[in-house]
Protein backbone atom coordinates (compact mmCIF):
# COMPACT_ATOMS: atom_id res chain seq x y z
CA UNK A 1 -24.69 -8.79 -4.95
CA UNK A 2 -21.35 -7.18 -5.66
CA UNK A 3 -19.75 -7.64 -9.09
CA UNK A 4 -16.02 -8.34 -8.78
CA UNK A 5 -14.00 -8.48 -11.98
CA UNK A 6 -10.48 -8.03 -13.27
CA UNK A 7 -7.63 -10.12 -14.59
CA UNK A 8 -5.56 -13.00 -13.33
CA UNK A 9 -1.92 -12.06 -13.87
CA UNK A 10 1.46 -13.65 -13.21
CA UNK A 11 4.20 -12.08 -11.07
CA UNK A 12 5.25 -9.87 -13.98
CA UNK A 13 1.73 -8.60 -14.73
CA UNK A 14 1.07 -10.72 -17.83
CA UNK A 15 -2.44 -12.24 -18.15
CA UNK A 16 -2.81 -15.91 -17.26
CA UNK A 17 -5.09 -18.20 -19.26
CA UNK A 18 -6.71 -21.38 -17.88
CA UNK A 19 -6.75 -19.99 -14.34
CA UNK A 20 -9.60 -19.19 -11.97
CA UNK A 21 -10.18 -16.87 -9.03
CA UNK A 22 -11.10 -18.31 -5.66
CA UNK A 23 -12.74 -16.35 -2.87
CA UNK A 24 -13.09 -17.48 0.73
CA UNK A 25 -14.36 -15.96 3.97
CA UNK A 26 -11.19 -17.09 5.77
CA UNK A 27 -7.55 -16.74 4.75
CA UNK A 28 -6.95 -20.51 4.68
CA UNK A 29 -8.93 -22.72 2.31
CA UNK A 30 -9.46 -26.01 4.12
CA UNK A 31 -11.34 -27.95 1.42
CA UNK A 32 -13.15 -26.05 -1.33
CA UNK A 33 -13.30 -22.23 -1.48
CA UNK A 34 -16.59 -20.45 -0.86
CA UNK A 35 -16.70 -19.03 -4.42
CA UNK A 36 -14.86 -19.68 -7.70
CA UNK A 37 -14.90 -17.95 -11.06
CA UNK A 38 -14.99 -19.58 -14.44
CA UNK A 39 -11.71 -20.40 -16.20
CA UNK A 40 -9.91 -17.46 -17.78
CA UNK A 41 -9.03 -17.21 -21.46
CA UNK A 42 -5.94 -15.56 -23.02
CA UNK A 43 -6.86 -12.16 -21.58
CA UNK A 44 -6.96 -13.44 -17.99
CA UNK A 45 -10.38 -11.80 -17.42
CA UNK A 46 -12.73 -13.09 -14.73
CA UNK A 47 -16.05 -12.02 -13.15
CA UNK A 48 -17.68 -13.09 -9.88
CA UNK A 49 -20.84 -11.99 -8.09
CA UNK A 50 -20.56 -12.07 -4.29
CA UNK A 51 -22.89 -11.25 -1.45
CA UNK A 52 -21.68 -8.28 0.64
CA UNK A 53 -18.99 -9.21 3.15
CA UNK A 54 -15.24 -9.38 3.69
CA UNK A 55 -13.26 -11.97 1.77
CA UNK A 56 -9.81 -13.20 0.84
CA UNK A 57 -8.98 -13.79 -2.82
CA UNK A 58 -6.41 -15.71 -4.83
CA UNK A 59 -5.97 -17.47 -8.16
CA UNK A 60 -4.93 -20.96 -9.21
CA UNK A 61 -4.66 -23.13 -12.33
CA UNK A 62 -5.52 -26.52 -10.79
CA UNK A 63 -8.82 -27.47 -9.18
CA UNK A 64 -9.09 -28.15 -6.38
CA UNK A 65 -6.03 -26.43 -4.99
CA UNK A 66 -5.63 -28.89 -2.12
CA UNK A 67 -5.93 -28.27 1.59
CA UNK A 68 -4.08 -25.49 3.34
CA UNK A 69 -3.88 -22.89 0.56
CA UNK A 70 -3.52 -19.43 2.09
CA UNK A 71 -5.09 -16.42 0.39
CA UNK A 72 -3.02 -13.31 1.08
CA UNK A 73 -5.10 -10.60 -0.62
CA UNK A 74 -8.05 -9.13 1.29
CA UNK A 75 -11.14 -8.22 -0.74
CA UNK A 76 -13.64 -5.91 0.95
CA UNK A 77 -16.98 -6.52 -0.79
CA UNK A 78 -19.19 -3.76 0.58
CA UNK A 79 -22.85 -3.59 -0.40
CA UNK A 80 -22.70 0.11 -1.30
CA UNK A 81 -20.15 -0.67 -4.04
CA UNK A 82 -21.81 -1.97 -7.18
CA UNK A 83 -18.59 -2.96 -8.94
CA UNK A 84 -15.10 -3.78 -7.69
CA UNK A 85 -12.20 -4.11 -10.13
CA UNK A 86 -9.20 -6.05 -8.88
CA UNK A 87 -6.36 -7.89 -10.60
CA UNK A 88 -5.36 -11.11 -8.85
CA UNK A 89 -1.80 -12.46 -8.97
CA UNK A 90 -1.57 -16.22 -9.54
CA UNK A 91 -0.83 -17.74 -6.12
CA UNK A 92 -1.04 -21.49 -6.77
CA UNK A 93 -0.24 -23.81 -9.63
């Protein structure tokens, strides 16, 4: 498993509370994403554990996001990396 952690931030880089990170094997989320984090607190921090692979990542504040959400950020989760730190910009309300 690969530990992925960081912060959910808004467009100006401020942490977002009550958000979550979603991770999917494809860019478009048709129903539910493959993986989701817990809800963030005031600091915007999140942590996920993913099997090795290539993923797309985004963040939202409503669950579920609804069909057709597109995740723009690519997340390479390679097995040789034990930890990946990545901040995720809020992409959906």
